[in-house]
Full PDB file with SEQRES, HELIX, SHEET, SSBOND, CRYST1, ORIGX, SCALE, CONECT and MASTER records, all heavy atoms in Angstrom:
SEQRES   1 A   36  SER ILE VAL LEU LEU ASP ARG GLN ASN ARG PHE ILE VAL          
SEQRES   2 A   36  SER GLY ASP SER ILE SER GLY GLY SER PRO VAL PHE MET          
SEQRES   3 A   36  PHE GLY GLY GLU ARG SER PHE HIS ALA TYR                      
SHEET    1 AA1 2 LEU A   4  ASP A   6  0                                        
SHEET    2 AA1 2 PHE A  11  VAL A  13 -1                                        
CRYST1    1.000    1.000    1.000  90.00  90.00  90.00 P 1           1          
ORIGX1      1.000000  0.000000  0.000000        0.00000                         
ORIGX2      0.000000  1.000000  0.000000        0.00000                         
ORIGX3      0.000000  0.000000  1.000000        0.00000                         
SCALE1      1.000000  0.000000  0.000000        0.00000                         
SCALE2      0.000000  1.000000  0.000000        0.00000                         
SCALE3      0.000000  0.000000  1.000000        0.00000                         
ATOM      1  N   SER A   1       0.840  -1.201   0.000  1.00  0.00           N  
ATOM      2  CA  SER A   1       0.000   0.000   0.000  1.00  0.00           C  
ATOM      3  C   SER A   1       0.871   1.246   0.000  1.00  0.00           C  
ATOM      4  O   SER A   1       1.903   1.315   0.682  1.00  0.00           O  
ATOM      5  CB  SER A   1      -0.909   0.023   1.234  1.00  0.00           C  
ATOM      6  OG  SER A   1      -2.007  -0.849   1.102  1.00  0.00           O  
ATOM      7  N   ILE A   2       0.431   2.243  -0.772  1.00  0.00           N  
ATOM      8  CA  ILE A   2       1.137   3.522  -0.820  1.00  0.00           C  
ATOM      9  C   ILE A   2       0.156   4.662  -0.601  1.00  0.00           C  
ATOM     10  O   ILE A   2      -1.053   4.513  -0.775  1.00  0.00           O  
ATOM     11  CB  ILE A   2       1.870   3.741  -2.166  1.00  0.00           C  
ATOM     12  CG1 ILE A   2       0.872   3.740  -3.344  1.00  0.00           C  
ATOM     13  CG2 ILE A   2       2.965   2.693  -2.357  1.00  0.00           C  
ATOM     14  CD1 ILE A   2       1.485   4.156  -4.676  1.00  0.00           C  
ATOM     15  N   VAL A   3       0.699   5.805  -0.206  1.00  0.00           N  
ATOM     16  CA  VAL A   3      -0.001   7.070  -0.354  1.00  0.00           C  
ATOM     17  C   VAL A   3       0.800   7.907  -1.339  1.00  0.00           C  
ATOM     18  O   VAL A   3       1.996   7.690  -1.559  1.00  0.00           O  
ATOM     19  CB  VAL A   3      -0.188   7.840   0.974  1.00  0.00           C  
ATOM     20  CG1 VAL A   3      -0.951   7.016   1.978  1.00  0.00           C  
ATOM     21  CG2 VAL A   3       1.140   8.295   1.564  1.00  0.00           C  
ATOM     22  N   LEU A   4       0.124   8.881  -1.932  1.00  0.00           N  
ATOM     23  CA  LEU A   4       0.768   9.829  -2.830  1.00  0.00           C  
ATOM     24  C   LEU A   4       0.686  11.203  -2.202  1.00  0.00           C  
ATOM     25  O   LEU A   4      -0.400  11.668  -1.826  1.00  0.00           O  
ATOM     26  CB  LEU A   4       0.089   9.819  -4.198  1.00  0.00           C  
ATOM     27  CG  LEU A   4       0.189   8.491  -4.956  1.00  0.00           C  
ATOM     28  CD1 LEU A   4      -0.678   8.532  -6.211  1.00  0.00           C  
ATOM     29  CD2 LEU A   4       1.633   8.167  -5.316  1.00  0.00           C  
ATOM     30  N   LEU A   5       1.820  11.859  -2.072  1.00  0.00           N  
ATOM     31  CA  LEU A   5       1.924  13.147  -1.402  1.00  0.00           C  
ATOM     32  C   LEU A   5       2.121  14.257  -2.425  1.00  0.00           C  
ATOM     33  O   LEU A   5       3.059  14.217  -3.224  1.00  0.00           O  
ATOM     34  CB  LEU A   5       3.106  13.123  -0.425  1.00  0.00           C  
ATOM     35  CG  LEU A   5       3.551  14.464   0.168  1.00  0.00           C  
ATOM     36  CD1 LEU A   5       2.454  15.083   1.026  1.00  0.00           C  
ATOM     37  CD2 LEU A   5       4.841  14.270   0.986  1.00  0.00           C  
ATOM     38  N   ASP A   6       1.240  15.231  -2.403  1.00  0.00           N  
ATOM     39  CA  ASP A   6       1.389  16.456  -3.197  1.00  0.00           C  
ATOM     40  C   ASP A   6       1.862  17.550  -2.244  1.00  0.00           C  
ATOM     41  O   ASP A   6       1.064  18.131  -1.503  1.00  0.00           O  
ATOM     42  CB  ASP A   6       0.056  16.826  -3.847  1.00  0.00           C  
ATOM     43  CG  ASP A   6       0.159  18.021  -4.796  1.00  0.00           C  
ATOM     44  OD1 ASP A   6       0.956  18.946  -4.511  1.00  0.00           O  
ATOM     45  OD2 ASP A   6      -0.562  18.042  -5.815  1.00  0.00           O  
ATOM     46  N   ARG A   7       3.158  17.792  -2.245  1.00  0.00           N  
ATOM     47  CA  ARG A   7       3.724  18.768  -1.311  1.00  0.00           C  
ATOM     48  C   ARG A   7       3.271  20.190  -1.620  1.00  0.00           C  
ATOM     49  O   ARG A   7       3.062  20.997  -0.705  1.00  0.00           O  
ATOM     50  CB  ARG A   7       5.257  18.683  -1.329  1.00  0.00           C  
ATOM     51  CG  ARG A   7       5.813  17.378  -0.763  1.00  0.00           C  
ATOM     52  CD  ARG A   7       7.327  17.384  -0.713  1.00  0.00           C  
ATOM     53  NE  ARG A   7       7.866  16.116  -0.230  1.00  0.00           N  
ATOM     54  CZ  ARG A   7       8.064  15.820   1.054  1.00  0.00           C  
ATOM     55  NH1 ARG A   7       7.765  16.729   1.978  1.00  0.00           N  
ATOM     56  NH2 ARG A   7       8.559  14.654   1.417  1.00  0.00           N  
ATOM     57  N   GLN A   8       3.121  20.509  -2.885  1.00  0.00           N  
ATOM     58  CA  GLN A   8       2.750  21.864  -3.271  1.00  0.00           C  
ATOM     59  C   GLN A   8       1.325  22.195  -2.836  1.00  0.00           C  
ATOM     60  O   GLN A   8       1.063  23.270  -2.293  1.00  0.00           O  
ATOM     61  CB  GLN A   8       2.882  22.041  -4.779  1.00  0.00           C  
ATOM     62  CG  GLN A   8       2.502  23.436  -5.278  1.00  0.00           C  
ATOM     63  CD  GLN A   8       2.649  23.584  -6.785  1.00  0.00           C  
ATOM     64  OE1 GLN A   8       3.097  22.654  -7.472  1.00  0.00           O  
ATOM     65  NE2 GLN A   8       2.274  24.739  -7.294  1.00  0.00           N  
ATOM     66  N   ASN A   9       0.412  21.266  -3.069  1.00  0.00           N  
ATOM     67  CA  ASN A   9      -0.991  21.492  -2.735  1.00  0.00           C  
ATOM     68  C   ASN A   9      -1.391  20.911  -1.379  1.00  0.00           C  
ATOM     69  O   ASN A   9      -2.541  21.024  -0.972  1.00  0.00           O  
ATOM     70  CB  ASN A   9      -1.882  20.920  -3.838  1.00  0.00           C  
ATOM     71  CG  ASN A   9      -1.671  21.649  -5.156  1.00  0.00           C  
ATOM     72  OD1 ASN A   9      -1.947  22.837  -5.261  1.00  0.00           O  
ATOM     73  ND2 ASN A   9      -1.156  20.939  -6.162  1.00  0.00           N  
ATOM     74  N   ARG A  10      -0.437  20.258  -0.707  1.00  0.00           N  
ATOM     75  CA  ARG A  10      -0.540  19.869   0.696  1.00  0.00           C  
ATOM     76  C   ARG A  10      -1.698  18.898   0.966  1.00  0.00           C  
ATOM     77  O   ARG A  10      -2.551  19.120   1.806  1.00  0.00           O  
ATOM     78  CB  ARG A  10      -0.627  21.097   1.601  1.00  0.00           C  
ATOM     79  CG  ARG A  10       0.629  21.968   1.523  1.00  0.00           C  
ATOM     80  CD  ARG A  10       0.605  23.083   2.553  1.00  0.00           C  
ATOM     81  NE  ARG A  10       0.506  22.561   3.892  1.00  0.00           N  
ATOM     82  CZ  ARG A  10       1.531  22.073   4.608  1.00  0.00           C  
ATOM     83  NH1 ARG A  10       2.747  22.046   4.079  1.00  0.00           N  
ATOM     84  NH2 ARG A  10       1.345  21.626   5.828  1.00  0.00           N  
ATOM     85  N   PHE A  11      -1.691  17.796   0.205  1.00  0.00           N  
ATOM     86  CA  PHE A  11      -2.630  16.720   0.493  1.00  0.00           C  
ATOM     87  C   PHE A  11      -1.951  15.387   0.209  1.00  0.00           C  
ATOM     88  O   PHE A  11      -0.924  15.315  -0.475  1.00  0.00           O  
ATOM     89  CB  PHE A  11      -3.921  16.847  -0.323  1.00  0.00           C  
ATOM     90  CG  PHE A  11      -3.753  16.703  -1.810  1.00  0.00           C  
ATOM     91  CD1 PHE A  11      -3.645  15.457  -2.405  1.00  0.00           C  
ATOM     92  CD2 PHE A  11      -3.720  17.824  -2.630  1.00  0.00           C  
ATOM     93  CE1 PHE A  11      -3.495  15.317  -3.778  1.00  0.00           C  
ATOM     94  CE2 PHE A  11      -3.572  17.700  -3.997  1.00  0.00           C  
ATOM     95  CZ  PHE A  11      -3.452  16.446  -4.575  1.00  0.00           C  
ATOM     96  N   ILE A  12      -2.539  14.315   0.776  1.00  0.00           N  
ATOM     97  CA  ILE A  12      -2.135  12.964   0.412  1.00  0.00           C  
ATOM     98  C   ILE A  12      -3.350  12.210  -0.103  1.00  0.00           C  
ATOM     99  O   ILE A  12      -4.483  12.438   0.337  1.00  0.00           O  
ATOM    100  CB  ILE A  12      -1.489  12.174   1.575  1.00  0.00           C  
ATOM    101  CG1 ILE A  12      -2.429  12.056   2.781  1.00  0.00           C  
ATOM    102  CG2 ILE A  12      -0.161  12.786   1.971  1.00  0.00           C  
ATOM    103  CD1 ILE A  12      -1.911  11.120   3.871  1.00  0.00           C  
ATOM    104  N   VAL A  13      -3.113  11.298  -1.045  1.00  0.00           N  
ATOM    105  CA  VAL A  13      -4.115  10.343  -1.513  1.00  0.00           C  
ATOM    106  C   VAL A  13      -3.818   9.039  -0.796  1.00  0.00           C  
ATOM    107  O   VAL A  13      -2.736   8.465  -0.958  1.00  0.00           O  
ATOM    108  CB  VAL A  13      -4.036  10.157  -3.039  1.00  0.00           C  
ATOM    109  CG1 VAL A  13      -5.164   9.258  -3.514  1.00  0.00           C  
ATOM    110  CG2 VAL A  13      -4.087  11.508  -3.751  1.00  0.00           C  
ATOM    111  N   SER A  14      -4.763   8.552  -0.010  1.00  0.00           N  
ATOM    112  CA  SER A  14      -4.431   7.534   0.995  1.00  0.00           C  
ATOM    113  C   SER A  14      -4.927   6.133   0.691  1.00  0.00           C  
ATOM    114  O   SER A  14      -4.690   5.218   1.484  1.00  0.00           O  
ATOM    115  CB  SER A  14      -4.974   7.964   2.360  1.00  0.00           C  
ATOM    116  OG  SER A  14      -6.394   8.031   2.338  1.00  0.00           O  
ATOM    117  N   GLY A  15      -5.631   5.911  -0.431  1.00  0.00           N  
ATOM    118  CA  GLY A  15      -6.170   4.576  -0.655  1.00  0.00           C  
ATOM    119  C   GLY A  15      -7.112   4.184   0.465  1.00  0.00           C  
ATOM    120  O   GLY A  15      -7.965   4.970   0.877  1.00  0.00           O  
ATOM    121  N   ASP A  16      -6.950   2.979   1.007  1.00  0.00           N  
ATOM    122  CA  ASP A  16      -7.851   2.474   2.042  1.00  0.00           C  
ATOM    123  C   ASP A  16      -7.280   2.543   3.450  1.00  0.00           C  
ATOM    124  O   ASP A  16      -7.937   2.128   4.398  1.00  0.00           O  
ATOM    125  CB  ASP A  16      -8.175   0.995   1.767  1.00  0.00           C  
ATOM    126  CG  ASP A  16      -9.158   0.813   0.638  1.00  0.00           C  
ATOM    127  OD1 ASP A  16      -9.579   1.812   0.034  1.00  0.00           O  
ATOM    128  OD2 ASP A  16      -9.492  -0.355   0.345  1.00  0.00           O  
ATOM    129  N   SER A  17      -6.061   3.011   3.618  1.00  0.00           N  
ATOM    130  CA  SER A  17      -5.340   2.775   4.867  1.00  0.00           C  
ATOM    131  C   SER A  17      -5.771   3.640   6.039  1.00  0.00           C  
ATOM    132  O   SER A  17      -5.519   3.279   7.183  1.00  0.00           O  
ATOM    133  CB  SER A  17      -3.831   2.942   4.646  1.00  0.00           C  
ATOM    134  OG  SER A  17      -3.362   1.948   3.748  1.00  0.00           O  
ATOM    135  N   ILE A  18      -6.402   4.772   5.772  1.00  0.00           N  
ATOM    136  CA  ILE A  18      -6.775   5.691   6.845  1.00  0.00           C  
ATOM    137  C   ILE A  18      -8.289   5.731   6.957  1.00  0.00           C  
ATOM    138  O   ILE A  18      -8.990   5.949   5.970  1.00  0.00           O  
ATOM    139  CB  ILE A  18      -6.205   7.095   6.604  1.00  0.00           C  
ATOM    140  CG1 ILE A  18      -4.679   7.027   6.516  1.00  0.00           C  
ATOM    141  CG2 ILE A  18      -6.626   8.048   7.713  1.00  0.00           C  
ATOM    142  CD1 ILE A  18      -4.045   8.282   5.995  1.00  0.00           C  
ATOM    143  N   SER A  19      -8.785   5.525   8.148  1.00  0.00           N  
ATOM    144  CA  SER A  19     -10.217   5.462   8.383  1.00  0.00           C  
ATOM    145  C   SER A  19     -10.764   6.842   8.712  1.00  0.00           C  
ATOM    146  O   SER A  19     -10.366   7.459   9.697  1.00  0.00           O  
ATOM    147  CB  SER A  19     -10.528   4.512   9.541  1.00  0.00           C  
ATOM    148  OG  SER A  19     -11.899   4.560   9.875  1.00  0.00           O  
ATOM    149  N   GLY A  20     -11.664   7.297   7.868  1.00  0.00           N  
ATOM    150  CA  GLY A  20     -12.413   8.511   8.171  1.00  0.00           C  
ATOM    151  C   GLY A  20     -13.827   8.151   8.588  1.00  0.00           C  
ATOM    152  O   GLY A  20     -14.763   8.899   8.344  1.00  0.00           O  
ATOM    153  N   GLY A  21     -13.984   6.986   9.184  1.00  0.00           N  
ATOM    154  CA  GLY A  21     -15.292   6.474   9.565  1.00  0.00           C  
ATOM    155  C   GLY A  21     -15.681   5.261   8.752  1.00  0.00           C  
ATOM    156  O   GLY A  21     -16.442   4.414   9.204  1.00  0.00           O  
ATOM    157  N   SER A  22     -15.154   5.161   7.531  1.00  0.00           N  
ATOM    158  CA  SER A  22     -15.381   3.967   6.704  1.00  0.00           C  
ATOM    159  C   SER A  22     -14.394   2.888   7.136  1.00  0.00           C  
ATOM    160  O   SER A  22     -13.180   3.121   7.109  1.00  0.00           O  
ATOM    161  CB  SER A  22     -15.178   4.312   5.227  1.00  0.00           C  
ATOM    162  OG  SER A  22     -15.381   3.189   4.401  1.00  0.00           O  
ATOM    163  N   PRO A  23     -14.858   1.700   7.546  1.00  0.00           N  
ATOM    164  CA  PRO A  23     -13.941   0.716   8.134  1.00  0.00           C  
ATOM    165  C   PRO A  23     -12.838   0.266   7.181  1.00  0.00           C  
ATOM    166  O   PRO A  23     -13.070   0.043   5.993  1.00  0.00           O  
ATOM    167  CB  PRO A  23     -14.865  -0.451   8.503  1.00  0.00           C  
ATOM    168  CG  PRO A  23     -16.215   0.166   8.658  1.00  0.00           C  
ATOM    169  CD  PRO A  23     -16.270   1.259   7.636  1.00  0.00           C  
ATOM    170  N   VAL A  24     -11.636   0.125   7.711  1.00  0.00           N  
ATOM    171  CA  VAL A  24     -10.494  -0.406   6.977  1.00  0.00           C  
ATOM    172  C   VAL A  24     -10.533  -1.927   7.072  1.00  0.00           C  
ATOM    173  O   VAL A  24     -10.648  -2.487   8.164  1.00  0.00           O  
ATOM    174  CB  VAL A  24      -9.167   0.125   7.561  1.00  0.00           C  
ATOM    175  CG1 VAL A  24      -7.974  -0.475   6.814  1.00  0.00           C  
ATOM    176  CG2 VAL A  24      -9.132   1.650   7.500  1.00  0.00           C  
ATOM    177  N   PHE A  25     -10.430  -2.610   5.934  1.00  0.00           N  
ATOM    178  CA  PHE A  25     -10.406  -4.069   5.925  1.00  0.00           C  
ATOM    179  C   PHE A  25      -9.042  -4.551   6.424  1.00  0.00           C  
ATOM    180  O   PHE A  25      -8.005  -4.246   5.824  1.00  0.00           O  
ATOM    181  CB  PHE A  25     -10.640  -4.600   4.511  1.00  0.00           C  
ATOM    182  CG  PHE A  25     -12.080  -4.592   4.069  1.00  0.00           C  
ATOM    183  CD1 PHE A  25     -12.808  -3.415   3.997  1.00  0.00           C  
ATOM    184  CD2 PHE A  25     -12.711  -5.773   3.722  1.00  0.00           C  
ATOM    185  CE1 PHE A  25     -14.127  -3.403   3.584  1.00  0.00           C  
ATOM    186  CE2 PHE A  25     -14.041  -5.779   3.307  1.00  0.00           C  
ATOM    187  CZ  PHE A  25     -14.760  -4.587   3.238  1.00  0.00           C  
ATOM    188  N   MET A  26      -9.042  -5.324   7.516  1.00  0.00           N  
ATOM    189  CA  MET A  26      -7.782  -5.834   8.079  1.00  0.00           C  
ATOM    190  C   MET A  26      -7.847  -7.327   8.362  1.00  0.00           C  
ATOM    191  O   MET A  26      -7.066  -7.845   9.145  1.00  0.00           O  
ATOM    192  CB  MET A  26      -7.422  -5.056   9.349  1.00  0.00           C  
ATOM    193  CG  MET A  26      -6.987  -3.617   9.094  1.00  0.00           C  
ATOM    194  SD  MET A  26      -5.498  -3.450   8.089  1.00  0.00           S  
ATOM    195  CE  MET A  26      -4.251  -4.064   9.223  1.00  0.00           C  
ATOM    196  N   PHE A  27      -8.776  -8.031   7.722  1.00  0.00           N  
ATOM    197  CA  PHE A  27      -8.812  -9.492   7.849  1.00  0.00           C  
ATOM    198  C   PHE A  27      -8.284 -10.097   6.552  1.00  0.00           C  
ATOM    199  O   PHE A  27      -8.358  -9.493   5.488  1.00  0.00           O  
ATOM    200  CB  PHE A  27     -10.222  -9.995   8.157  1.00  0.00           C  
ATOM    201  CG  PHE A  27     -11.224  -9.722   7.065  1.00  0.00           C  
ATOM    202  CD1 PHE A  27     -11.481 -10.669   6.084  1.00  0.00           C  
ATOM    203  CD2 PHE A  27     -11.915  -8.515   7.021  1.00  0.00           C  
ATOM    204  CE1 PHE A  27     -12.404 -10.427   5.081  1.00  0.00           C  
ATOM    205  CE2 PHE A  27     -12.836  -8.257   6.012  1.00  0.00           C  
ATOM    206  CZ  PHE A  27     -13.081  -9.217   5.044  1.00  0.00           C  
ATOM    207  N   GLY A  28      -7.740 -11.295   6.659  1.00  0.00           N  
ATOM    208  CA  GLY A  28      -7.199 -11.968   5.481  1.00  0.00           C  
ATOM    209  C   GLY A  28      -5.681 -11.973   5.498  1.00  0.00           C  
ATOM    210  O   GLY A  28      -5.032 -11.193   6.211  1.00  0.00           O  
ATOM    211  N   GLY A  29      -5.111 -12.831   4.682  1.00  0.00           N  
ATOM    212  CA  GLY A  29      -3.678 -13.086   4.733  1.00  0.00           C  
ATOM    213  C   GLY A  29      -2.793 -11.947   4.289  1.00  0.00           C  
ATOM    214  O   GLY A  29      -1.595 -11.953   4.589  1.00  0.00           O  
ATOM    215  N   GLU A  30      -3.328 -10.956   3.566  1.00  0.00           N  
ATOM    216  CA  GLU A  30      -2.477  -9.873   3.067  1.00  0.00           C  
ATOM    217  C   GLU A  30      -2.290  -8.755   4.085  1.00  0.00           C  
ATOM    218  O   GLU A  30      -1.477  -7.855   3.872  1.00  0.00           O  
ATOM    219  CB  GLU A  30      -3.079  -9.273   1.781  1.00  0.00           C  
ATOM    220  CG  GLU A  30      -3.423 -10.294   0.702  1.00  0.00           C  
ATOM    221  CD  GLU A  30      -2.228 -11.082   0.224  1.00  0.00           C  
ATOM    222  OE1 GLU A  30      -1.105 -10.551   0.284  1.00  0.00           O  
ATOM    223  OE2 GLU A  30      -2.419 -12.238  -0.199  1.00  0.00           O  
ATOM    224  N   ARG A  31      -3.016  -8.785   5.187  1.00  0.00           N  
ATOM    225  CA  ARG A  31      -3.054  -7.645   6.106  1.00  0.00           C  
ATOM    226  C   ARG A  31      -2.138  -7.864   7.306  1.00  0.00           C  
ATOM    227  O   ARG A  31      -1.933  -8.993   7.747  1.00  0.00           O  
ATOM    228  CB  ARG A  31      -4.468  -7.396   6.609  1.00  0.00           C  
ATOM    229  CG  ARG A  31      -5.591  -7.715   5.635  1.00  0.00           C  
ATOM    230  CD  ARG A  31      -5.722  -6.759   4.483  1.00  0.00           C  
ATOM    231  NE  ARG A  31      -6.947  -7.020   3.731  1.00  0.00           N  
ATOM    232  CZ  ARG A  31      -7.288  -6.411   2.613  1.00  0.00           C  
ATOM    233  NH1 ARG A  31      -6.514  -5.470   2.104  1.00  0.00           N  
ATOM    234  NH2 ARG A  31      -8.407  -6.705   1.987  1.00  0.00           N  
ATOM    235  N   SER A  32      -1.629  -6.768   7.873  1.00  0.00           N  
ATOM    236  CA  SER A  32      -0.767  -6.864   9.053  1.00  0.00           C  
ATOM    237  C   SER A  32      -0.946  -5.630   9.923  1.00  0.00           C  
ATOM    238  O   SER A  32      -0.633  -4.513   9.491  1.00  0.00           O  
ATOM    239  CB  SER A  32       0.707  -6.981   8.649  1.00  0.00           C  
ATOM    240  OG  SER A  32       1.558  -6.763   9.762  1.00  0.00           O  
ATOM    241  N   PHE A  33      -1.439  -5.830  11.135  1.00  0.00           N  
ATOM    242  CA  PHE A  33      -1.563  -4.704  12.049  1.00  0.00           C  
ATOM    243  C   PHE A  33      -0.193  -4.193  12.491  1.00  0.00           C  
ATOM    244  O   PHE A  33      -0.016  -2.989  12.709  1.00  0.00           O  
ATOM    245  CB  PHE A  33      -2.396  -5.089  13.275  1.00  0.00           C  
ATOM    246  CG  PHE A  33      -3.854  -4.807  13.114  1.00  0.00           C  
ATOM    247  CD1 PHE A  33      -4.777  -5.838  13.095  1.00  0.00           C  
ATOM    248  CD2 PHE A  33      -4.315  -3.501  12.986  1.00  0.00           C  
ATOM    249  CE1 PHE A  33      -6.133  -5.586  12.953  1.00  0.00           C  
ATOM    250  CE2 PHE A  33      -5.669  -3.232  12.844  1.00  0.00           C  
ATOM    251  CZ  PHE A  33      -6.583  -4.276  12.818  1.00  0.00           C  
ATOM    252  N   HIS A  34       0.794  -5.072  12.628  1.00  0.00           N  
ATOM    253  CA  HIS A  34       2.120  -4.611  13.052  1.00  0.00           C  
ATOM    254  C   HIS A  34       2.708  -3.655  12.013  1.00  0.00           C  
ATOM    255  O   HIS A  34       3.263  -2.598  12.357  1.00  0.00           O  
ATOM    256  CB  HIS A  34       3.037  -5.811  13.273  1.00  0.00           C  
ATOM    257  CG  HIS A  34       2.592  -6.692  14.398  1.00  0.00           C  
ATOM    258  ND1 HIS A  34       2.628  -6.284  15.711  1.00  0.00           N  
ATOM    259  CD2 HIS A  34       2.070  -7.949  14.403  1.00  0.00           C  
ATOM    260  CE1 HIS A  34       2.164  -7.256  16.483  1.00  0.00           C  
ATOM    261  NE2 HIS A  34       1.821  -8.272  15.717  1.00  0.00           N  
ATOM    262  N   ALA A  35       2.579  -3.989  10.737  1.00  0.00           N  
ATOM    263  CA  ALA A  35       3.032  -3.082   9.688  1.00  0.00           C  
ATOM    264  C   ALA A  35       2.180  -1.815   9.675  1.00  0.00           C  
ATOM    265  O   ALA A  35       2.698  -0.709   9.435  1.00  0.00           O  
ATOM    266  CB  ALA A  35       2.977  -3.778   8.330  1.00  0.00           C  
ATOM    267  N   TYR A  36       0.897  -1.953   9.934  1.00  0.00           N  
ATOM    268  CA  TYR A  36      -0.008  -0.801   9.950  1.00  0.00           C  
ATOM    269  C   TYR A  36       0.396   0.206  11.021  1.00  0.00           C  
ATOM    270  O   TYR A  36       0.419   1.422  10.770  1.00  0.00           O  
ATOM    271  CB  TYR A  36      -1.443  -1.282  10.179  1.00  0.00           C  
ATOM    272  CG  TYR A  36      -2.483  -0.202  10.070  1.00  0.00           C  
ATOM    273  CD1 TYR A  36      -2.999   0.162   8.837  1.00  0.00           C  
ATOM    274  CD2 TYR A  36      -2.966   0.445  11.197  1.00  0.00           C  
ATOM    275  CE1 TYR A  36      -3.964   1.156   8.729  1.00  0.00           C  
ATOM    276  CE2 TYR A  36      -3.932   1.431  11.111  1.00  0.00           C  
ATOM    277  CZ  TYR A  36      -4.426   1.789   9.864  1.00  0.00           C  
ATOM    278  OH  TYR A  36      -5.379   2.782   9.765  1.00  0.00           O  
TER     279      TYR A  36                                                      
MASTER        0    0    0    0    2    0    0    6  278    1    0    3          
END                                                                             
C-alpha cells in the first residue's frame, strides 16, 4: 500500500489505509496490524 503526497498542494491520496469512519479491511492473509 502507498499514499501519494502532493507537497505543493498539501494533500495525500491515501487509498484504504486511513479510516475517516469507513472501516479499513484488516482481515485476510495480506493484512498486518504490526506493519499498519
